[in-house]
Amino acid sequence: MTIPDFTTSEQQLVNQILLERYSRIVPLQSADVELQLDTTSAELSLCPALYWSALGCEFIISKVGNERFRCQFFYSANEQFGTGRDVYDNLGDCVTTLLRLQADHSITRSTAMTEFPDTGAREKQDDYLGPLVI
């Protein structure tokens, strides 16, 4: 099964949402990704994708069929996040939900990094009592 590329109007929609979110033009790149579309099979399918990077985070929207999209954001190979929803049937909802979730996560992440800037710092905190053992 060949999945069609993002249309010009789909790319324009993503660009418009990114412009509204960041108040500037964010370079959007076309890419191809391999995804497991059928959970009962180990076969990977080549899917068109749109990629961008902003504020230290990477984003990818994959087209997995006509009017079917997947998304995720990540900071590194160890820090990858989705929205909790496997497939969207509306590209605008997909991008908007992804950006909202990343913004919320960014606040939580920066708070955690401020409280415990490195993994050894947790033990140095006076108010850290360790895990509760019952």
N, C-alpha and C. Protein backbone atom coordinates (compact mmCIF):
# COMPACT_ATOMS: atom_id res chain seq x y z
N MET A 1 0.84 -1.18 0.00
CA MET A 1 0.00 0.00 0.00
C MET A 1 0.89 1.24 0.00
N THR A 2 0.67 2.12 -0.95
CA THR A 2 1.42 3.37 -1.02
C THR A 2 0.59 4.48 -0.38
N ILE A 3 1.22 5.19 0.53
CA ILE A 3 0.54 6.28 1.22
C ILE A 3 0.90 7.58 0.51
N PRO A 4 -0.10 8.38 0.14
CA PRO A 4 0.18 9.62 -0.59
C PRO A 4 0.93 10.62 0.28
N ASP A 5 1.77 11.44 -0.36
CA ASP A 5 2.49 12.50 0.33
C ASP A 5 1.51 13.52 0.90
N PHE A 6 2.02 14.36 1.79
CA PHE A 6 1.22 15.47 2.30
C PHE A 6 0.89 16.39 1.14
N THR A 7 -0.34 16.81 1.06
CA THR A 7 -0.75 17.74 0.01
C THR A 7 -0.25 19.14 0.35
N THR A 8 -0.30 20.01 -0.64
CA THR A 8 0.10 21.41 -0.42
C THR A 8 -0.78 22.05 0.65
N SER A 9 -2.08 21.76 0.61
CA SER A 9 -2.98 22.36 1.60
C SER A 9 -2.70 21.81 3.01
N GLU A 10 -2.33 20.54 3.13
CA GLU A 10 -1.97 19.98 4.44
C GLU A 10 -0.70 20.64 4.97
N GLN A 11 0.29 20.84 4.10
CA GLN A 11 1.52 21.51 4.51
C GLN A 11 1.24 22.96 4.92
N GLN A 12 0.37 23.63 4.19
CA GLN A 12 0.01 25.01 4.52
C GLN A 12 -0.70 25.08 5.87
N LEU A 13 -1.55 24.10 6.16
CA LEU A 13 -2.24 24.06 7.44
C LEU A 13 -1.24 23.93 8.58
N VAL A 14 -0.29 23.01 8.45
CA VAL A 14 0.73 22.83 9.49
C VAL A 14 1.55 24.11 9.64
N ASN A 15 1.96 24.71 8.53
CA ASN A 15 2.72 25.96 8.59
C ASN A 15 1.93 27.05 9.31
N GLN A 16 0.64 27.16 9.05
CA GLN A 16 -0.19 28.18 9.69
C GLN A 16 -0.28 27.95 11.20
N ILE A 17 -0.47 26.72 11.61
CA ILE A 17 -0.55 26.40 13.04
C ILE A 17 0.78 26.72 13.72
N LEU A 18 1.89 26.37 13.07
CA LEU A 18 3.21 26.67 13.65
C LEU A 18 3.46 28.17 13.73
N LEU A 19 3.02 28.91 12.74
CA LEU A 19 3.16 30.37 12.77
C LEU A 19 2.37 30.96 13.93
N GLU A 20 1.17 30.45 14.15
CA GLU A 20 0.36 30.92 15.28
C GLU A 20 1.00 30.56 16.61
N ARG A 21 1.59 29.39 16.70
CA ARG A 21 2.20 28.93 17.95
C ARG A 21 3.49 29.68 18.27
N TYR A 22 4.37 29.86 17.29
CA TYR A 22 5.70 30.42 17.55
C TYR A 22 5.86 31.88 17.11
N SER A 23 4.85 32.44 16.48
CA SER A 23 4.89 33.82 15.98
C SER A 23 6.05 34.07 15.03
N ARG A 24 6.45 33.05 14.35
CA ARG A 24 7.50 33.15 13.33
C ARG A 24 7.38 31.93 12.41
N ILE A 25 8.00 32.03 11.26
CA ILE A 25 7.99 30.90 10.33
C ILE A 25 8.97 29.85 10.84
N VAL A 26 8.50 28.64 10.94
CA VAL A 26 9.32 27.51 11.38
C VAL A 26 9.57 26.63 10.16
N PRO A 27 10.85 26.39 9.82
CA PRO A 27 11.12 25.54 8.66
C PRO A 27 10.52 24.14 8.83
N LEU A 28 9.74 23.75 7.87
CA LEU A 28 9.09 22.45 7.86
C LEU A 28 9.77 21.59 6.81
N GLN A 29 10.18 20.39 7.18
CA GLN A 29 10.90 19.51 6.26
C GLN A 29 10.08 18.26 5.97
N SER A 30 10.10 17.86 4.71
CA SER A 30 9.47 16.59 4.33
C SER A 30 10.44 15.47 4.60
N ALA A 31 9.92 14.33 5.01
CA ALA A 31 10.75 13.17 5.32
C ALA A 31 9.94 11.91 5.06
N ASP A 32 10.59 10.78 5.15
CA ASP A 32 9.93 9.48 5.10
C ASP A 32 10.32 8.73 6.36
N VAL A 33 9.38 8.03 6.95
CA VAL A 33 9.63 7.24 8.14
C VAL A 33 9.06 5.84 7.93
N GLU A 34 9.64 4.88 8.61
CA GLU A 34 9.11 3.52 8.58
C GLU A 34 8.33 3.28 9.86
N LEU A 35 7.07 2.89 9.71
CA LEU A 35 6.20 2.66 10.85
C LEU A 35 5.54 1.30 10.75
N GLN A 36 5.25 0.72 11.89
CA GLN A 36 4.50 -0.52 11.95
C GLN A 36 3.02 -0.14 12.00
N LEU A 37 2.35 -0.26 10.88
CA LEU A 37 0.95 0.13 10.79
C LEU A 37 0.00 -0.97 11.24
N ASP A 38 0.43 -2.21 11.10
CA ASP A 38 -0.38 -3.35 11.50
C ASP A 38 0.28 -3.99 12.72
N THR A 39 -0.39 -3.91 13.87
CA THR A 39 0.20 -4.43 15.11
C THR A 39 0.33 -5.95 15.12
N THR A 40 -0.33 -6.62 14.19
CA THR A 40 -0.23 -8.08 14.14
C THR A 40 0.90 -8.54 13.24
N SER A 41 1.58 -7.59 12.60
CA SER A 41 2.67 -7.91 11.69
C SER A 41 3.92 -7.11 12.05
N ALA A 42 5.07 -7.68 11.83
CA ALA A 42 6.33 -6.98 12.10
C ALA A 42 6.76 -6.11 10.92
N GLU A 43 5.98 -6.16 9.84
CA GLU A 43 6.31 -5.41 8.63
C GLU A 43 6.23 -3.91 8.87
N LEU A 44 7.22 -3.19 8.33
CA LEU A 44 7.25 -1.74 8.42
C LEU A 44 6.79 -1.14 7.10
N SER A 45 6.06 -0.04 7.18
CA SER A 45 5.57 0.65 5.99
C SER A 45 6.24 2.00 5.88
N LEU A 46 6.59 2.39 4.67
CA LEU A 46 7.18 3.70 4.43
C LEU A 46 6.06 4.74 4.40
N CYS A 47 6.18 5.76 5.26
CA CYS A 47 5.14 6.78 5.38
C CYS A 47 5.75 8.17 5.22
N PRO A 48 5.06 9.07 4.52
CA PRO A 48 5.53 10.44 4.43
C PRO A 48 5.38 11.13 5.78
N ALA A 49 6.26 12.08 6.05
CA ALA A 49 6.23 12.78 7.34
C ALA A 49 6.63 14.23 7.16
N LEU A 50 6.22 15.04 8.12
CA LEU A 50 6.65 16.43 8.22
C LEU A 50 7.40 16.57 9.53
N TYR A 51 8.55 17.22 9.47
CA TYR A 51 9.43 17.35 10.64
C TYR A 51 9.76 18.82 10.85
N TRP A 52 9.85 19.22 12.12
CA TRP A 52 10.36 20.54 12.47
C TRP A 52 10.99 20.49 13.85
N SER A 53 11.78 21.50 14.13
CA SER A 53 12.46 21.62 15.41
C SER A 53 12.21 23.02 15.94
N ALA A 54 11.88 23.12 17.22
CA ALA A 54 11.63 24.42 17.84
C ALA A 54 11.85 24.34 19.34
N LEU A 55 12.48 25.35 19.87
CA LEU A 55 12.68 25.48 21.32
C LEU A 55 13.32 24.24 21.94
N GLY A 56 14.30 23.66 21.25
CA GLY A 56 15.02 22.51 21.78
C GLY A 56 14.29 21.19 21.68
N CYS A 57 13.22 21.16 20.92
CA CYS A 57 12.42 19.94 20.79
C CYS A 57 12.23 19.62 19.32
N GLU A 58 12.13 18.34 19.00
CA GLU A 58 11.91 17.87 17.63
C GLU A 58 10.48 17.34 17.54
N PHE A 59 9.85 17.55 16.39
CA PHE A 59 8.46 17.14 16.18
C PHE A 59 8.35 16.39 14.86
N ILE A 60 7.45 15.42 14.82
CA ILE A 60 7.20 14.71 13.56
C ILE A 60 5.73 14.33 13.48
N ILE A 61 5.17 14.60 12.30
CA ILE A 61 3.80 14.20 11.98
C ILE A 61 3.91 13.23 10.81
N SER A 62 3.39 12.04 10.97
CA SER A 62 3.44 11.03 9.91
C SER A 62 2.06 10.82 9.33
N LYS A 63 2.01 10.67 8.03
CA LYS A 63 0.75 10.37 7.36
C LYS A 63 0.70 8.86 7.19
N VAL A 64 -0.31 8.23 7.77
CA VAL A 64 -0.39 6.77 7.75
C VAL A 64 -1.54 6.27 6.86
N GLY A 65 -2.19 7.19 6.18
CA GLY A 65 -3.28 6.86 5.26
C GLY A 65 -3.99 8.15 4.87
N ASN A 66 -5.02 8.04 4.06
CA ASN A 66 -5.80 9.22 3.71
C ASN A 66 -6.50 9.75 4.95
N GLU A 67 -6.22 11.01 5.28
CA GLU A 67 -6.80 11.65 6.47
C GLU A 67 -6.51 10.87 7.75
N ARG A 68 -5.32 10.28 7.84
CA ARG A 68 -4.91 9.53 9.04
C ARG A 68 -3.47 9.93 9.36
N PHE A 69 -3.25 10.39 10.63
CA PHE A 69 -1.97 10.94 11.01
C PHE A 69 -1.54 10.44 12.39
N ARG A 70 -0.23 10.30 12.56
CA ARG A 70 0.38 10.00 13.86
C ARG A 70 1.37 11.11 14.17
N CYS A 71 1.64 11.31 15.45
CA CYS A 71 2.57 12.38 15.81
C CYS A 71 3.36 12.03 17.07
N GLN A 72 4.50 12.70 17.21
CA GLN A 72 5.29 12.58 18.42
C GLN A 72 6.25 13.75 18.50
N PHE A 73 6.75 13.99 19.71
CA PHE A 73 7.81 14.96 19.91
C PHE A 73 8.89 14.30 20.74
N PHE A 74 10.11 14.80 20.61
CA PHE A 74 11.21 14.19 21.34
C PHE A 74 12.34 15.18 21.56
N TYR A 75 13.09 14.92 22.62
CA TYR A 75 14.26 15.72 22.94
C TYR A 75 15.53 14.94 22.63
N SER A 76 15.45 13.63 22.74
CA SER A 76 16.57 12.73 22.46
C SER A 76 15.99 11.34 22.22
N ALA A 77 16.86 10.39 21.91
CA ALA A 77 16.40 9.02 21.70
C ALA A 77 15.75 8.45 22.96
N ASN A 78 16.16 8.94 24.13
CA ASN A 78 15.62 8.46 25.39
C ASN A 78 14.37 9.21 25.85
N GLU A 79 14.10 10.35 25.26
CA GLU A 79 12.96 11.16 25.66
C GLU A 79 12.04 11.38 24.45
N GLN A 80 11.17 10.40 24.20
CA GLN A 80 10.23 10.46 23.09
C GLN A 80 8.82 10.37 23.65
N PHE A 81 7.92 11.20 23.12
CA PHE A 81 6.57 11.28 23.66
C PHE A 81 5.54 11.36 22.55
N GLY A 82 4.41 10.73 22.79
CA GLY A 82 3.26 10.84 21.90
C GLY A 82 2.15 11.56 22.64
N THR A 83 0.98 11.57 22.05
CA THR A 83 -0.15 12.26 22.67
C THR A 83 -1.07 11.30 23.41
N GLY A 84 -0.80 10.02 23.31
CA GLY A 84 -1.68 9.02 23.92
C GLY A 84 -2.76 8.55 22.96
N ARG A 85 -2.75 9.10 21.78
CA ARG A 85 -3.73 8.71 20.75
C ARG A 85 -2.96 8.17 19.56
N ASP A 86 -3.32 6.99 19.08
CA ASP A 86 -2.59 6.35 18.00
C ASP A 86 -2.74 7.06 16.66
N VAL A 87 -3.97 7.40 16.30
CA VAL A 87 -4.22 7.96 14.97
C VAL A 87 -5.24 9.10 15.07
N TYR A 88 -4.98 10.15 14.32
CA TYR A 88 -5.90 11.28 14.19
C TYR A 88 -6.49 11.27 12.78
N ASP A 89 -7.76 11.64 12.67
CA ASP A 89 -8.37 11.76 11.35
C ASP A 89 -8.47 13.22 10.91
N ASN A 90 -7.93 14.13 11.73
CA ASN A 90 -7.93 15.54 11.41
C ASN A 90 -6.52 16.08 11.67
N LEU A 91 -5.86 16.56 10.63
CA LEU A 91 -4.48 17.04 10.75
C LEU A 91 -4.37 18.22 11.70
N GLY A 92 -5.30 19.14 11.65
CA GLY A 92 -5.26 20.31 12.55
C GLY A 92 -5.32 19.89 14.01
N ASP A 93 -6.21 18.96 14.34
CA ASP A 93 -6.30 18.45 15.71
C ASP A 93 -5.01 17.76 16.13
N CYS A 94 -4.42 17.00 15.20
CA CYS A 94 -3.18 16.28 15.47
C CYS A 94 -2.05 17.25 15.85
N VAL A 95 -1.84 18.27 15.03
CA VAL A 95 -0.76 19.23 15.26
C VAL A 95 -1.02 20.05 16.52
N THR A 96 -2.25 20.53 16.68
CA THR A 96 -2.59 21.36 17.84
C THR A 96 -2.44 20.59 19.14
N THR A 97 -2.91 19.36 19.17
CA THR A 97 -2.79 18.53 20.37
C THR A 97 -1.32 18.26 20.69
N LEU A 98 -0.54 17.97 19.67
CA LEU A 98 0.89 17.72 19.86
C LEU A 98 1.59 18.94 20.45
N LEU A 99 1.30 20.12 19.92
CA LEU A 99 1.93 21.34 20.42
C LEU A 99 1.49 21.67 21.84
N ARG A 100 0.23 21.47 22.15
CA ARG A 100 -0.25 21.72 23.52
C ARG A 100 0.40 20.77 24.52
N LEU A 101 0.46 19.50 24.16
CA LEU A 101 1.05 18.52 25.06
C LEU A 101 2.54 18.80 25.28
N GLN A 102 3.25 19.17 24.21
CA GLN A 102 4.67 19.48 24.36
C GLN A 102 4.87 20.72 25.22
N ALA A 103 4.03 21.73 25.06
CA ALA A 103 4.15 22.94 25.88
C ALA A 103 3.94 22.60 27.36
N ASP A 104 2.93 21.78 27.66
CA ASP A 104 2.69 21.35 29.04
C ASP A 104 3.88 20.54 29.55
N HIS A 105 4.37 19.64 28.72
CA HIS A 105 5.50 18.81 29.12
C HIS A 105 6.74 19.65 29.35
N SER A 106 6.95 20.66 28.54
CA SER A 106 8.11 21.53 28.67
C SER A 106 8.14 22.22 30.03
N ILE A 107 6.97 22.65 30.50
CA ILE A 107 6.88 23.29 31.82
C ILE A 107 7.25 22.29 32.91
N THR A 108 6.70 21.09 32.83
CA THR A 108 7.00 20.04 33.81
C THR A 108 8.47 19.67 33.76
N ARG A 109 8.99 19.55 32.57
CA ARG A 109 10.40 19.16 32.38
C ARG A 109 11.34 20.22 32.93
N SER A 110 11.07 21.48 32.66
CA SER A 110 11.96 22.54 33.16
C SER A 110 11.89 22.66 34.67
N THR A 111 10.71 22.42 35.25
CA THR A 111 10.57 22.43 36.70
C THR A 111 11.38 21.29 37.31
N ALA A 112 11.29 20.12 36.73
CA ALA A 112 12.05 18.97 37.24
C ALA A 112 13.55 19.20 37.12
N MET A 113 13.98 19.80 36.03
CA MET A 113 15.41 20.04 35.84
C MET A 113 15.92 21.12 36.79
N THR A 114 15.06 22.06 37.16
CA THR A 114 15.44 23.10 38.10
C THR A 114 15.56 22.53 39.50
N GLU A 115 14.61 21.67 39.88
CA GLU A 115 14.63 21.06 41.21
C GLU A 115 15.77 20.08 41.37
N PHE A 116 16.03 19.29 40.34
CA PHE A 116 17.07 18.28 40.39
C PHE A 116 17.90 18.37 39.12
N PRO A 117 18.85 19.33 39.06
CA PRO A 117 19.59 19.57 37.82
C PRO A 117 20.42 18.39 37.34
N ASP A 118 20.83 17.49 38.19
CA ASP A 118 21.52 16.28 37.75
C ASP A 118 21.05 15.12 38.62
N THR A 119 21.32 13.92 38.18
CA THR A 119 20.79 12.75 38.90
C THR A 119 21.36 12.62 40.30
N GLY A 120 22.56 13.09 40.54
CA GLY A 120 23.15 13.01 41.87
C GLY A 120 22.59 14.04 42.81
N ALA A 121 21.96 15.08 42.29
CA ALA A 121 21.45 16.17 43.13
C ALA A 121 20.30 15.71 44.01
N ARG A 122 19.56 14.72 43.56
CA ARG A 122 18.41 14.27 44.34
C ARG A 122 18.84 13.84 45.74
N GLU A 123 19.93 13.13 45.86
CA GLU A 123 20.40 12.68 47.16
C GLU A 123 20.90 13.84 48.01
N LYS A 124 21.29 14.94 47.38
CA LYS A 124 21.83 16.09 48.09
C LYS A 124 20.75 17.00 48.65
N GLN A 125 19.52 16.85 48.19
CA GLN A 125 18.44 17.71 48.65
C GLN A 125 18.10 17.35 50.10
N ASP A 126 18.01 18.38 50.96
CA ASP A 126 17.72 18.16 52.38
C ASP A 126 16.34 17.56 52.61
N ASP A 127 15.38 17.89 51.74
CA ASP A 127 14.02 17.44 51.98
C ASP A 127 13.72 16.10 51.29
N TYR A 128 14.71 15.51 50.66
CA TYR A 128 14.48 14.21 50.02
C TYR A 128 14.68 13.10 51.04
N LEU A 129 13.65 12.30 51.26
CA LEU A 129 13.71 11.26 52.28
C LEU A 129 13.84 9.87 51.70
N GLY A 130 13.91 9.75 50.39
CA GLY A 130 14.02 8.44 49.77
C GLY A 130 12.68 7.79 49.60
N PRO A 131 12.66 6.59 49.01
CA PRO A 131 11.39 5.91 48.77
C PRO A 131 10.75 5.43 50.08
N LEU A 132 9.44 5.39 50.11
CA LEU A 132 8.70 4.91 51.25
C LEU A 132 8.70 3.39 51.25
N VAL A 133 9.18 2.82 52.32
CA VAL A 133 9.23 1.35 52.43
C VAL A 133 8.17 0.93 53.44
N ILE A 134 7.31 0.02 53.00
CA ILE A 134 6.24 -0.43 53.89
C ILE A 134 6.49 -1.86 54.30
